[in-house]
Protein backbone atom coordinates (compact mmCIF):
# COMPACT_ATOMS: atom_id res chain seq x y z
CA UNK A 1 94.49 15.03 -31.15
CA UNK A 2 92.54 17.87 -29.57
CA UNK A 3 89.86 17.58 -32.24
CA UNK A 4 89.44 13.86 -31.51
CA UNK A 5 89.00 14.54 -27.80
CA UNK A 6 86.35 17.21 -28.43
CA UNK A 7 84.49 14.88 -30.78
CA UNK A 8 84.60 12.06 -28.21
CA UNK A 9 83.24 14.35 -25.50
CA UNK A 10 80.40 15.45 -27.80
CA UNK A 11 79.47 11.84 -28.54
CA UNK A 12 79.48 11.00 -24.83
CA UNK A 13 77.21 13.98 -24.04
CA UNK A 14 74.71 12.98 -26.71
CA UNK A 15 74.67 9.41 -25.39
CA UNK A 16 74.04 10.66 -21.85
CA UNK A 17 71.18 12.89 -23.04
CA UNK A 18 69.66 9.96 -24.93
CA UNK A 19 69.82 7.71 -21.85
CA UNK A 20 68.32 10.44 -19.65
CA UNK A 21 65.50 11.05 -22.12
CA UNK A 22 64.72 7.34 -22.26
CA UNK A 23 64.54 7.16 -18.47
CA UNK A 24 62.27 10.18 -18.30
CA UNK A 25 59.96 8.69 -20.94
CA UNK A 26 59.87 5.37 -19.08
CA UNK A 27 59.06 7.03 -15.76
CA UNK A 28 56.48 9.49 -17.09
CA UNK A 29 53.42 7.13 -16.92
CA UNK A 30 54.07 6.54 -13.22
CA UNK A 31 53.21 10.17 -12.42
CA UNK A 32 49.92 11.35 -14.00
CA UNK A 33 49.66 14.92 -15.12
CA UNK A 34 47.68 17.61 -13.32
CA UNK A 35 44.94 17.38 -15.95
CA UNK A 36 44.46 13.69 -15.25
CA UNK A 37 44.33 14.38 -11.51
CA UNK A 38 41.65 17.01 -12.07
CA UNK A 39 39.58 14.63 -14.18
CA UNK A 40 39.79 11.91 -11.53
CA UNK A 41 38.74 14.35 -8.82
CA UNK A 42 35.74 15.49 -10.88
CA UNK A 43 34.66 11.89 -11.53
CA UNK A 44 34.83 10.95 -7.85
CA UNK A 45 32.95 14.13 -6.91
CA UNK A 46 30.16 13.26 -9.37
CA UNK A 47 29.88 9.74 -7.92
CA UNK A 48 29.72 11.12 -4.38
CA UNK A 49 26.97 13.59 -5.39
CA UNK A 50 24.90 10.77 -6.93
CA UNK A 51 25.23 8.65 -3.80
CA UNK A 52 24.19 11.56 -1.58
CA UNK A 53 21.20 12.34 -3.83
CA UNK A 54 19.94 8.74 -3.71
CA UNK A 55 20.34 8.65 0.06
CA UNK A 56 18.48 11.94 0.47
CA UNK A 57 15.58 10.81 -1.72
CA UNK A 58 15.23 7.49 0.13
CA UNK A 59 15.35 9.31 3.47
CA UNK A 60 12.62 11.64 2.24
CA UNK A 61 10.39 8.68 1.31
CA UNK A 62 10.92 7.10 4.71
CA UNK A 63 10.05 10.35 6.44
CA UNK A 64 6.90 10.68 4.31
CA UNK A 65 5.83 7.12 5.20
CA UNK A 66 6.46 7.74 8.89
CA UNK A 67 4.55 11.01 9.00
CA UNK A 68 1.66 10.88 11.46
CA UNK A 69 -1.72 11.59 9.87
CA UNK A 70 -4.72 12.86 11.87
CA UNK A 71 -7.70 10.69 12.73
CA UNK A 72 -10.50 10.16 10.23
CA UNK A 73 -14.28 9.83 10.42
CA UNK A 74 -15.74 7.22 8.07
CA UNK A 75 -19.24 6.74 6.77
CA UNK A 76 -20.17 3.98 4.31
CA UNK A 77 -23.48 3.21 2.62
CA UNK A 78 -23.74 0.23 0.27
CA UNK A 79 -25.86 -2.49 -1.26
CA UNK A 80 -24.67 -6.06 -1.60
CA UNK A 81 -25.53 -9.43 -3.03
CA UNK A 82 -24.65 -12.53 -0.96
CA UNK A 83 -23.96 -16.00 -2.32
CA UNK A 84 -24.43 -18.95 -0.01
CA UNK A 85 -21.48 -21.30 0.24
CA UNK A 86 -23.69 -23.73 2.18
CA UNK A 87 -27.30 -24.29 1.04
CA UNK A 88 -29.91 -25.93 3.26
CA UNK A 89 -32.68 -27.04 0.92
CA UNK A 90 -34.85 -28.13 3.83
CA UNK A 91 -35.22 -24.45 4.72
CA UNK A 92 -36.05 -23.48 1.16
CA UNK A 93 -32.73 -21.71 0.62
CA UNK A 94 -31.35 -20.91 -2.82
CA UNK A 95 -27.75 -20.27 -3.85
CA UNK A 96 -28.17 -16.51 -3.74
CA UNK A 97 -29.63 -14.81 -0.70
CA UNK A 98 -31.65 -11.58 -1.00
CA UNK A 99 -29.93 -8.26 -1.68
CA UNK A 100 -29.19 -6.26 1.41
CA UNK A 101 -28.34 -2.71 2.45
CA UNK A 102 -25.61 -1.71 4.85
CA UNK A 103 -24.49 1.48 6.57
CA UNK A 104 -21.37 1.86 8.71
CA UNK A 105 -20.02 4.64 10.91
CA UNK A 106 -16.45 4.43 12.12
CA UNK A 107 -13.40 6.26 13.36
CA UNK A 108 -9.75 5.72 12.36
CA UNK A 109 -7.06 6.61 14.89
CA UNK A 110 -4.12 8.89 13.98
CA UNK A 111 -1.09 7.10 12.57
CA UNK A 112 1.05 6.45 9.51
CA UNK A 113 0.08 4.60 6.32
CA UNK A 114 -1.50 1.68 8.20
CA UNK A 115 -3.93 2.81 10.87
CA UNK A 116 -6.44 1.13 13.15
CA UNK A 117 -9.98 2.01 14.09
CA UNK A 118 -13.43 0.76 15.04
CA UNK A 119 -16.92 0.95 13.65
CA UNK A 120 -20.55 -0.08 13.99
CA UNK A 121 -22.68 -1.19 11.03
CA UNK A 122 -26.37 -1.83 10.50
CA UNK A 123 -27.76 -3.98 7.69
CA UNK A 124 -31.14 -5.29 6.53
CA UNK A 125 -32.51 -7.53 3.79
CA UNK A 126 -34.32 -6.14 0.74
CA UNK A 127 -36.21 -9.20 -0.43
CA UNK A 128 -38.06 -12.37 0.53
CA UNK A 129 -36.16 -15.55 1.36
CA UNK A 130 -36.82 -19.11 2.53
CA UNK A 131 -39.88 -20.05 0.48
CA UNK A 132 -42.83 -21.26 2.56
CA UNK A 133 -40.85 -23.41 4.97
CA UNK A 134 -39.08 -20.71 6.98
CA UNK A 135 -40.11 -17.49 5.24
CA UNK A 136 -38.14 -14.29 5.76
CA UNK A 137 -39.83 -11.20 4.37
CA UNK A 138 -38.32 -7.94 3.14
CA UNK A 139 -36.82 -5.82 5.94
CA UNK A 140 -37.52 -8.69 8.34
CA UNK A 141 -33.89 -9.21 9.44
CA UNK A 142 -31.78 -6.53 11.13
CA UNK A 143 -28.10 -7.08 11.88
CA UNK A 144 -25.80 -4.97 14.06
CA UNK A 145 -22.06 -5.51 13.80
CA UNK A 146 -19.32 -3.94 15.94
CA UNK A 147 -16.05 -4.27 14.05
CA UNK A 148 -12.35 -3.58 13.99
CA UNK A 149 -11.13 -1.45 11.05
CA UNK A 150 -7.74 -1.35 9.34
CA UNK A 151 -7.17 1.72 7.14
CA UNK A 152 -4.31 1.77 4.62
CA UNK A 153 -3.44 4.74 2.40
CA UNK A 154 -2.32 3.58 -1.06
CA UNK A 155 -1.89 7.08 -2.57
CA UNK A 156 -3.74 10.39 -2.64
CA UNK A 157 -6.67 8.86 -4.58
CA UNK A 158 -6.95 5.25 -3.36
CA UNK A 159 -7.16 3.68 0.09
CA UNK A 160 -8.08 0.28 1.45
CA UNK A 161 -10.23 -0.73 4.40
CA UNK A 162 -10.14 -4.11 6.11
CA UNK A 163 -12.59 -5.13 8.78
CA UNK A 164 -13.39 -7.98 11.13
CA UNK A 165 -16.60 -7.97 13.12
CA UNK A 166 -19.26 -9.91 14.99
CA UNK A 167 -22.61 -9.67 13.18
CA UNK A 168 -25.50 -10.03 15.64
CA UNK A 169 -28.98 -10.74 14.30
CA UNK A 170 -31.26 -8.54 16.41
CA UNK A 171 -34.44 -9.23 14.45
CA UNK A 172 -35.51 -12.30 12.48
CA UNK A 173 -34.24 -14.98 14.82
CA UNK A 174 -31.35 -15.27 17.29
CA UNK A 175 -28.04 -15.69 15.56
CA UNK A 176 -24.43 -14.55 15.87
CA UNK A 177 -21.53 -14.90 13.49
CA UNK A 178 -18.17 -13.67 12.24
CA UNK A 179 -17.39 -11.49 9.24
CA UNK A 180 -14.13 -10.49 7.57
CA UNK A 181 -13.95 -8.18 4.59
CA UNK A 182 -11.79 -5.88 2.51
CA UNK A 183 -12.64 -2.83 0.42
CA UNK A 184 -10.87 -0.63 -2.11
CA UNK A 185 -12.04 2.99 -2.24
CA UNK A 186 -11.43 5.79 -4.74
CA UNK A 187 -11.78 9.47 -3.81
CA UNK A 188 -13.88 11.35 -6.36
CA UNK A 189 -13.90 14.59 -4.36
CA UNK A 190 -12.21 15.61 -1.13
CA UNK A 191 -13.84 13.47 1.53
CA UNK A 192 -16.21 11.62 -0.82
CA UNK A 193 -15.67 8.52 -2.93
CA UNK A 194 -16.89 5.12 -4.07
CA UNK A 195 -15.82 1.64 -3.02
CA UNK A 196 -16.13 -2.07 -3.75
CA UNK A 197 -15.89 -4.70 -1.02
CA UNK A 198 -15.71 -8.46 -0.72
CA UNK A 199 -16.94 -10.07 2.51
CA UNK A 200 -16.99 -13.57 4.01
CA UNK A 201 -19.59 -14.36 6.69
CA UNK A 202 -20.38 -17.27 8.93
CA UNK A 203 -23.56 -17.50 11.04
CA UNK A 204 -24.59 -19.99 13.66
CA UNK A 205 -28.35 -20.29 14.09
CA UNK A 206 -30.40 -23.06 12.58
CA UNK A 207 -27.31 -24.87 11.36
CA UNK A 208 -24.18 -23.17 10.05
CA UNK A 209 -24.46 -20.71 7.19
CA UNK A 210 -21.45 -19.52 5.19
CA UNK A 211 -21.80 -16.66 2.69
CA UNK A 212 -19.61 -14.59 0.38
CA UNK A 213 -20.90 -11.18 -0.68
CA UNK A 214 -19.97 -8.33 -2.98
CA UNK A 215 -20.78 -4.74 -1.98
CA UNK A 216 -20.77 -1.50 -3.96
CA UNK A 217 -21.32 1.85 -2.34
CA UNK A 218 -20.24 5.37 -1.43
CA UNK A 219 -17.85 6.44 1.31
CA UNK A 220 -17.44 9.64 3.30
CA UNK A 221 -13.89 10.07 4.61
CA UNK A 222 -12.97 13.22 6.54
CA UNK A 223 -9.89 14.16 8.54
CA UNK A 224 -10.34 15.19 12.16
CA UNK A 225 -8.02 18.17 12.49
CA UNK A 226 -6.49 18.80 15.92
């Protein structure tokens, strides 16, 4: 009788241990181990570091774009070929007007990437124009043009210049007009480079004359240090 009781107690203990082990195994996934916690913490730390790095780099770019640059002195010398968009055959005009030369002196105000300035240019014609009806001889027309300048830094090597001015014919007949143009310049050395420009002009004199011209030239671009 005693042996049966002991055997029954042993079976009950084993059953209890089996039930307890099953419960422990069922509950184990609800509580991750310390190693899993450490891995999760490392993963979230890496994500946070990446986010902070991206934010810092973007902030650095914004600060670089907003940095104030000193003023600049500009000098441009170029030659251009104009094409008439309107041709008056009664004046002996052809599609292409004579080549011309142009020099410009200007100043760009301090600022960020996009800056503003002003300039004064002087241009003259190289060749004969107008046939025998209204002849214009070489160096017979002089034009002065006060202009607004827009200066945009693309990178350390390239920059762009936009301009809008009022060309005034001071020799070769009274005339006034409007010019808009844009140029891309490349720095070969510090303060010296080359550029190409496209201009659109309109003059009011004997009729209305519209021209488009292409210029190639050299540019001098120096900072004015405080």
